[in-house]
């Protein structure tokens, strides 16, 4: 299935809460996610693929399924 992310919120802080990614870098990552069409099996695979791609955990996500 193909997914297009319409809204996403990441946790851009480190596990210890000591560091938060710069806002300009956050925006770059979010825009890259929006620009991609994600071809995965289901929503769980979508979140895994995006986390692997960005290196950041997802707090919330909205998407639409693209029908072929």
N, C-alpha and C. Protein backbone atom coordinates (compact mmCIF):
# COMPACT_ATOMS: atom_id res chain seq x y z
N UNK A 1 0.83 -1.17 0.00
CA UNK A 1 0.00 0.00 0.00
C UNK A 1 0.88 1.24 0.00
N UNK A 2 0.34 2.30 -0.55
CA UNK A 2 1.06 3.57 -0.57
C UNK A 2 0.38 4.56 0.37
N UNK A 3 1.21 5.24 1.16
CA UNK A 3 0.71 6.21 2.13
C UNK A 3 1.34 7.56 1.87
N UNK A 4 0.56 8.61 2.08
CA UNK A 4 1.08 9.98 2.05
C UNK A 4 0.78 10.58 3.42
N UNK A 5 1.82 11.03 4.09
CA UNK A 5 1.66 11.62 5.42
C UNK A 5 1.11 13.04 5.25
N UNK A 6 0.05 13.34 6.00
CA UNK A 6 -0.56 14.68 5.94
C UNK A 6 -0.24 15.51 7.18
N UNK A 7 0.00 14.87 8.30
CA UNK A 7 0.39 15.53 9.54
C UNK A 7 1.28 14.57 10.32
N UNK A 8 2.33 15.12 10.94
CA UNK A 8 3.18 14.28 11.77
C UNK A 8 3.80 15.13 12.87
N UNK A 9 3.93 14.52 14.03
CA UNK A 9 4.60 15.17 15.15
C UNK A 9 5.64 14.19 15.68
N UNK A 10 6.87 14.67 15.77
CA UNK A 10 7.97 13.86 16.29
C UNK A 10 8.31 14.27 17.71
N UNK A 11 8.98 13.38 18.41
CA UNK A 11 9.61 13.72 19.68
C UNK A 11 11.06 14.05 19.36
N UNK A 12 11.35 15.34 19.22
CA UNK A 12 12.68 15.78 18.82
C UNK A 12 13.60 16.04 20.01
N UNK A 13 13.34 15.38 21.14
CA UNK A 13 14.24 15.47 22.28
C UNK A 13 14.95 14.14 22.47
N UNK A 14 16.13 14.20 23.05
CA UNK A 14 16.86 12.98 23.34
C UNK A 14 16.21 12.27 24.52
N UNK A 15 16.56 11.00 24.72
CA UNK A 15 15.97 10.20 25.79
C UNK A 15 16.15 10.84 27.16
N UNK A 16 17.27 11.52 27.37
CA UNK A 16 17.51 12.13 28.67
C UNK A 16 16.91 13.54 28.78
N UNK A 17 16.31 14.03 27.69
CA UNK A 17 15.68 15.34 27.69
C UNK A 17 16.65 16.50 27.68
N UNK A 18 17.91 16.21 27.49
CA UNK A 18 18.95 17.24 27.54
C UNK A 18 19.07 18.05 26.26
N UNK A 19 18.60 17.51 25.16
CA UNK A 19 18.83 18.15 23.87
C UNK A 19 17.57 18.09 23.03
N UNK A 20 17.26 19.18 22.36
CA UNK A 20 16.17 19.21 21.39
C UNK A 20 16.73 19.69 20.06
N UNK A 21 16.35 19.02 18.99
CA UNK A 21 16.81 19.35 17.65
C UNK A 21 16.39 20.77 17.29
N UNK A 22 17.26 21.48 16.60
CA UNK A 22 16.98 22.86 16.17
C UNK A 22 15.71 22.91 15.33
N UNK A 23 14.90 23.97 15.49
CA UNK A 23 13.65 24.08 14.73
C UNK A 23 13.84 24.00 13.21
N UNK A 24 14.90 24.57 12.68
CA UNK A 24 15.12 24.52 11.23
C UNK A 24 15.37 23.08 10.77
N UNK A 25 16.07 22.31 11.58
CA UNK A 25 16.33 20.89 11.25
C UNK A 25 15.04 20.08 11.39
N UNK A 26 14.23 20.42 12.40
CA UNK A 26 12.94 19.74 12.56
C UNK A 26 12.09 19.93 11.32
N UNK A 27 12.03 21.16 10.84
CA UNK A 27 11.23 21.47 9.65
C UNK A 27 11.73 20.71 8.43
N UNK A 28 13.04 20.59 8.27
CA UNK A 28 13.61 19.85 7.13
C UNK A 28 13.17 18.39 7.17
N UNK A 29 13.24 17.79 8.34
CA UNK A 29 12.86 16.38 8.48
C UNK A 29 11.38 16.20 8.18
N UNK A 30 10.55 17.06 8.75
CA UNK A 30 9.10 16.95 8.53
C UNK A 30 8.77 17.12 7.05
N UNK A 31 9.39 18.08 6.39
CA UNK A 31 9.13 18.28 4.96
C UNK A 31 9.55 17.09 4.12
N UNK A 32 10.65 16.44 4.47
CA UNK A 32 11.07 15.24 3.74
C UNK A 32 10.04 14.12 3.89
N UNK A 33 9.47 14.00 5.08
CA UNK A 33 8.44 12.98 5.30
C UNK A 33 7.21 13.29 4.46
N UNK A 34 6.80 14.56 4.43
CA UNK A 34 5.63 14.95 3.63
C UNK A 34 5.87 14.74 2.13
N UNK A 35 7.10 14.92 1.68
CA UNK A 35 7.41 14.82 0.25
C UNK A 35 7.46 13.38 -0.25
N UNK A 36 7.57 12.42 0.64
CA UNK A 36 7.69 11.02 0.23
C UNK A 36 6.33 10.34 0.13
N UNK A 37 6.25 9.40 -0.77
CA UNK A 37 5.15 8.43 -0.80
C UNK A 37 5.74 7.16 -0.21
N UNK A 38 5.13 6.69 0.86
CA UNK A 38 5.66 5.55 1.61
C UNK A 38 4.96 4.28 1.18
N UNK A 39 5.71 3.33 0.67
CA UNK A 39 5.14 2.06 0.23
C UNK A 39 5.45 1.00 1.28
N UNK A 40 4.44 0.71 2.10
CA UNK A 40 4.55 -0.25 3.19
C UNK A 40 3.26 -1.04 3.29
N UNK A 41 3.24 -2.05 4.16
CA UNK A 41 2.08 -2.94 4.27
C UNK A 41 0.92 -2.35 5.08
N UNK A 42 1.23 -1.60 6.15
CA UNK A 42 0.18 -1.08 7.02
C UNK A 42 0.70 0.09 7.84
N UNK A 43 -0.16 0.63 8.73
CA UNK A 43 0.21 1.80 9.52
C UNK A 43 1.41 1.53 10.42
N UNK A 44 1.47 0.36 11.01
CA UNK A 44 2.61 0.03 11.87
C UNK A 44 3.92 0.06 11.08
N UNK A 45 3.89 -0.52 9.88
CA UNK A 45 5.08 -0.48 9.02
C UNK A 45 5.41 0.95 8.61
N UNK A 46 4.38 1.77 8.43
CA UNK A 46 4.60 3.18 8.08
C UNK A 46 5.37 3.89 9.18
N UNK A 47 4.92 3.75 10.41
CA UNK A 47 5.62 4.43 11.51
C UNK A 47 7.03 3.87 11.69
N UNK A 48 7.19 2.58 11.52
CA UNK A 48 8.54 1.99 11.60
C UNK A 48 9.45 2.54 10.50
N UNK A 49 8.93 2.62 9.28
CA UNK A 49 9.73 3.10 8.15
C UNK A 49 10.15 4.56 8.35
N UNK A 50 9.23 5.38 8.83
CA UNK A 50 9.54 6.80 9.04
C UNK A 50 10.53 6.96 10.19
N UNK A 51 10.35 6.21 11.26
CA UNK A 51 11.30 6.26 12.38
C UNK A 51 12.69 5.83 11.93
N UNK A 52 12.76 4.75 11.15
CA UNK A 52 14.06 4.30 10.62
C UNK A 52 14.68 5.35 9.71
N UNK A 53 13.87 5.98 8.88
CA UNK A 53 14.34 6.98 7.91
C UNK A 53 14.86 8.24 8.61
N UNK A 54 14.13 8.70 9.64
CA UNK A 54 14.48 9.97 10.28
C UNK A 54 15.37 9.80 11.50
N UNK A 55 15.24 8.68 12.18
CA UNK A 55 15.98 8.48 13.43
C UNK A 55 15.27 9.07 14.64
N UNK A 56 14.02 9.55 14.48
CA UNK A 56 13.26 10.15 15.57
C UNK A 56 11.95 9.41 15.76
N UNK A 57 11.49 9.34 17.01
CA UNK A 57 10.22 8.68 17.32
C UNK A 57 9.04 9.59 16.97
N UNK A 58 7.96 8.96 16.57
CA UNK A 58 6.75 9.67 16.18
C UNK A 58 5.80 9.74 17.37
N UNK A 59 5.29 10.95 17.63
CA UNK A 59 4.27 11.15 18.67
C UNK A 59 2.87 10.93 18.10
N UNK A 60 2.63 11.49 16.90
CA UNK A 60 1.32 11.32 16.26
C UNK A 60 1.50 11.43 14.75
N UNK A 61 0.57 10.81 14.04
CA UNK A 61 0.66 10.81 12.58
C UNK A 61 -0.74 10.71 11.98
N UNK A 62 -0.96 11.44 10.90
CA UNK A 62 -2.15 11.31 10.07
C UNK A 62 -1.66 11.09 8.65
N UNK A 63 -2.42 10.35 7.90
CA UNK A 63 -2.00 10.01 6.55
C UNK A 63 -3.22 9.70 5.70
N UNK A 64 -2.96 9.59 4.41
CA UNK A 64 -4.01 9.10 3.53
C UNK A 64 -3.43 7.95 2.72
N UNK A 65 -4.28 7.02 2.38
CA UNK A 65 -3.88 5.88 1.57
C UNK A 65 -4.09 6.25 0.12
N UNK A 66 -3.10 6.01 -0.69
CA UNK A 66 -3.18 6.31 -2.11
C UNK A 66 -3.61 5.04 -2.83
N UNK A 67 -4.73 5.13 -3.50
CA UNK A 67 -5.25 3.99 -4.24
C UNK A 67 -4.71 4.02 -5.65
N UNK A 68 -4.30 2.89 -6.12
CA UNK A 68 -3.75 2.80 -7.47
C UNK A 68 -4.85 2.57 -8.48
